[in-house]
């Protein structure tokens, strides 16, 4: 049980420390859904990537800011977003 608690707490700390959460949704996952909600509730940008024709829960779509079908497109979008105060190497 301690290992599971540590894993969840570490995942939450990673989300707290980031500006954007990139979600590679290839199959339904309770953990992924929880991480998305946790990030969204904290004002993090949530970028969802799911293959074309993937059935995605309306809850997951609602709590995402953008949906892409290719990781490359999502990464390009993130790189174009820009974050105030960030410099190269941050």
Protein backbone atom coordinates (compact mmCIF):
# COMPACT_ATOMS: atom_id res chain seq x y z
CA UNK A 1 0.00 0.00 0.00
CA UNK A 2 2.84 2.44 0.82
CA UNK A 3 4.22 2.09 -2.72
CA UNK A 4 0.86 3.05 -4.21
CA UNK A 5 0.57 6.07 -1.94
CA UNK A 6 4.08 7.19 -2.88
CA UNK A 7 3.32 6.78 -6.59
CA UNK A 8 0.16 8.88 -6.39
CA UNK A 9 1.80 11.57 -4.26
CA UNK A 10 4.78 11.73 -6.65
CA UNK A 11 2.45 12.02 -9.66
CA UNK A 12 0.55 14.83 -7.95
CA UNK A 13 3.81 16.63 -7.12
CA UNK A 14 4.89 16.36 -10.78
CA UNK A 15 1.57 17.88 -11.88
CA UNK A 16 1.86 20.67 -9.30
CA UNK A 17 5.32 21.52 -10.67
CA UNK A 18 4.30 21.75 -14.34
CA UNK A 19 2.46 24.22 -16.55
CA UNK A 20 1.11 21.69 -19.07
CA UNK A 21 0.03 18.07 -18.81
CA UNK A 22 0.38 16.13 -22.05
CA UNK A 23 -1.92 13.09 -21.99
CA UNK A 24 -1.22 10.24 -24.39
CA UNK A 25 -4.58 8.47 -24.25
CA UNK A 26 -4.29 5.07 -25.90
CA UNK A 27 -6.72 3.18 -23.66
CA UNK A 28 -9.08 4.01 -20.79
CA UNK A 29 -7.28 4.41 -17.47
CA UNK A 30 -8.61 5.46 -14.10
CA UNK A 31 -5.19 6.84 -13.14
CA UNK A 32 -4.95 8.99 -16.25
CA UNK A 33 -8.45 10.34 -15.71
CA UNK A 34 -7.64 11.20 -12.10
CA UNK A 35 -4.44 12.98 -13.14
CA UNK A 36 -6.33 14.99 -15.76
CA UNK A 37 -8.94 16.10 -13.23
CA UNK A 38 -6.25 16.92 -10.65
CA UNK A 39 -4.38 19.06 -13.20
CA UNK A 40 -7.51 20.78 -14.52
CA UNK A 41 -8.68 21.69 -11.01
CA UNK A 42 -5.32 23.38 -10.43
CA UNK A 43 -5.48 25.46 -13.57
CA UNK A 44 -2.92 23.46 -15.53
CA UNK A 45 -3.27 23.28 -19.30
CA UNK A 46 -4.29 19.75 -20.26
CA UNK A 47 -3.44 18.65 -23.80
CA UNK A 48 -5.01 15.35 -24.82
CA UNK A 49 -3.69 13.10 -27.59
CA UNK A 50 -5.88 10.23 -28.76
CA UNK A 51 -5.76 8.23 -31.97
CA UNK A 52 -8.42 9.03 -34.55
CA UNK A 53 -11.74 7.24 -33.86
CA UNK A 54 -10.84 6.55 -30.22
CA UNK A 55 -13.87 6.55 -27.95
CA UNK A 56 -13.14 9.16 -25.28
CA UNK A 57 -15.24 9.85 -22.22
CA UNK A 58 -17.02 13.21 -22.33
CA UNK A 59 -15.49 13.84 -18.88
CA UNK A 60 -11.97 13.51 -20.27
CA UNK A 61 -12.73 15.80 -23.21
CA UNK A 62 -14.40 18.37 -20.94
CA UNK A 63 -11.36 18.53 -18.65
CA UNK A 64 -8.90 18.96 -21.54
CA UNK A 65 -8.06 22.25 -23.20
CA UNK A 66 -7.11 20.77 -26.56
CA UNK A 67 -7.48 17.44 -28.34
CA UNK A 68 -5.01 16.21 -30.96
CA UNK A 69 -4.73 12.93 -32.82
CA UNK A 70 -0.94 13.00 -33.17
CA UNK A 71 1.64 13.59 -30.44
CA UNK A 72 3.72 15.69 -32.86
CA UNK A 73 0.83 18.12 -33.33
CA UNK A 74 0.31 18.41 -29.57
CA UNK A 75 4.01 19.08 -28.97
CA UNK A 76 4.02 21.74 -31.71
CA UNK A 77 1.02 23.39 -30.04
CA UNK A 78 2.70 23.32 -26.62
CA UNK A 79 5.89 24.84 -28.04
CA UNK A 80 3.85 27.66 -29.57
CA UNK A 81 1.92 28.38 -26.38
CA UNK A 82 4.74 30.24 -24.67
CA UNK A 83 4.78 30.80 -20.95
CA UNK A 84 5.37 34.15 -19.35
CA UNK A 85 8.62 34.29 -17.44
CA UNK A 86 10.09 31.17 -19.03
CA UNK A 87 13.46 31.28 -20.67
CA UNK A 88 15.28 28.71 -22.76
CA UNK A 89 16.48 25.89 -20.56
CA UNK A 90 13.72 26.27 -17.95
